[in-house]
C-alpha atoms as a PDB file:
ATOM      1  CA  UNK A   1     108.195 131.209  59.043  1.00  0.00           C
ATOM      2  CA  UNK A   2     106.092 133.996  57.687  1.00  0.00           C
ATOM      3  CA  UNK A   3     106.591 135.829  54.468  1.00  0.00           C
ATOM      4  CA  UNK A   4     107.090 139.195  56.171  1.00  0.00           C
ATOM      5  CA  UNK A   5     109.124 140.174  59.210  1.00  0.00           C
ATOM      6  CA  UNK A   6     105.958 141.183  61.095  1.00  0.00           C
ATOM      7  CA  UNK A   7     104.373 137.798  60.466  1.00  0.00           C
ATOM      8  CA  UNK A   8     107.570 136.044  61.550  1.00  0.00           C
ATOM      9  CA  UNK A   9     107.682 138.062  64.770  1.00  0.00           C
ATOM     10  CA  UNK A  10     104.025 137.227  65.450  1.00  0.00           C
ATOM     11  CA  UNK A  11     104.665 133.505  64.924  1.00  0.00           C
ATOM     12  CA  UNK A  12     107.717 133.600  67.217  1.00  0.00           C
ATOM     13  CA  UNK A  13     105.712 135.359  69.944  1.00  0.00           C
ATOM     14  CA  UNK A  14     102.899 132.819  69.647  1.00  0.00           C
ATOM     15  CA  UNK A  15     105.374 129.956  69.878  1.00  0.00           C
ATOM     16  CA  UNK A  16     107.030 131.536  72.899  1.00  0.00           C
ATOM     17  CA  UNK A  17     103.656 131.980  74.616  1.00  0.00           C
ATOM     18  CA  UNK A  18     102.707 128.358  73.861  1.00  0.00           C
ATOM     19  CA  UNK A  19     105.995 127.104  75.260  1.00  0.00           C
ATOM     20  CA  UNK A  20     105.612 129.275  78.371  1.00  0.00           C
ATOM     21  CA  UNK A  21     102.138 127.798  79.011  1.00  0.00           C
ATOM     22  CA  UNK A  22     103.472 124.263  78.555  1.00  0.00           C
ATOM     23  CA  UNK A  23     106.350 124.913  80.951  1.00  0.00           C
ATOM     24  CA  UNK A  24     103.907 126.314  83.525  1.00  0.00           C
ATOM     25  CA  UNK A  25     101.775 123.171  83.219  1.00  0.00           C
ATOM     26  CA  UNK A  26     104.815 120.942  83.652  1.00  0.00           C
ATOM     27  CA  UNK A  27     105.952 122.877  86.722  1.00  0.00           C
ATOM     28  CA  UNK A  28     102.475 122.611  88.244  1.00  0.00           C
ATOM     29  CA  UNK A  29     102.412 118.858  87.580  1.00  0.00           C
ATOM     30  CA  UNK A  30     105.863 118.477  89.111  1.00  0.00           C
ATOM     31  CA  UNK A  31     104.702 120.299  92.249  1.00  0.00           C
ATOM     32  CA  UNK A  32     101.668 118.011  92.550  1.00  0.00           C
ATOM     33  CA  UNK A  33     103.843 114.929  92.066  1.00  0.00           C
ATOM     34  CA  UNK A  34     106.344 116.176  94.652  1.00  0.00           C
ATOM     35  CA  UNK A  35     103.593 116.689  97.223  1.00  0.00           C
ATOM     36  CA  UNK A  36     102.227 113.231  96.499  1.00  0.00           C
ATOM     37  CA  UNK A  37     105.670 111.654  96.798  1.00  0.00           C
ATOM     38  CA  UNK A  38     106.285 113.542 100.044  1.00  0.00           C
ATOM     39  CA  UNK A  39     103.065 112.213 101.545  1.00  0.00           C
ATOM     40  CA  UNK A  40     103.936 108.661 100.533  1.00  0.00           C
ATOM     41  CA  UNK A  41     107.417 109.028 101.985  1.00  0.00           C
ATOM     42  CA  UNK A  42     105.994 110.334 105.259  1.00  0.00           C
ATOM     43  CA  UNK A  43     103.657 107.339 105.502  1.00  0.00           C
ATOM     44  CA  UNK A  44     106.491 104.904 104.847  1.00  0.00           C
ATOM     45  CA  UNK A  45     108.666 106.684 107.419  1.00  0.00           C
ATOM     46  CA  UNK A  46     105.926 106.478 110.031  1.00  0.00           C
ATOM     47  CA  UNK A  47     105.439 102.774 109.305  1.00  0.00           C
ATOM     48  CA  UNK A  48     109.163 102.077 109.625  1.00  0.00           C
ATOM     49  CA  UNK A  49     109.337 104.054 112.880  1.00  0.00           C
ATOM     50  CA  UNK A  50     106.383 102.052 114.208  1.00  0.00           C
ATOM     51  CA  UNK A  51     108.041  98.765 113.324  1.00  0.00           C
ATOM     52  CA  UNK A  52     111.287  99.858 114.997  1.00  0.00           C
ATOM     53  CA  UNK A  53     109.442 100.886 118.168  1.00  0.00           C
ATOM     54  CA  UNK A  54     107.506  97.613 118.277  1.00  0.00           C
ATOM     55  CA  UNK A  55     110.768  95.721 117.756  1.00  0.00           C
ATOM     56  CA  UNK A  56     112.451  97.569 120.607  1.00  0.00           C
ATOM     57  CA  UNK A  57     109.517  96.865 122.947  1.00  0.00           C
ATOM     58  CA  UNK A  58     109.506  93.197 121.985  1.00  0.00           C
ATOM     59  CA  UNK A  59     113.255  92.966 122.493  1.00  0.00           C
ATOM     60  CA  UNK A  60     112.989  94.451 126.000  1.00  0.00           C
ATOM     61  CA  UNK A  61     110.210  92.027 126.921  1.00  0.00           C
ATOM     62  CA  UNK A  62     112.224  89.040 125.731  1.00  0.00           C
ATOM     63  CA  UNK A  63     115.279  90.192 127.720  1.00  0.00           C
ATOM     64  CA  UNK A  64     113.259  90.758 130.913  1.00  0.00           C
ATOM     65  CA  UNK A  65     111.856  87.194 130.938  1.00  0.00           C
END
């Protein structure tokens, strides 16, 4: 801490601004990661749906023979 109240206030404001910037960066990174995870989840869901549909078609063909 500073030797005078004004210097202490200035240091606190600088620290607060630094922390605010870091929080903003973390929030931005979290948003990017969430979008990436959402895309991956959508791809996996589409693959699973495709496998289920193929399985149902195969099952119907086996039953009809």
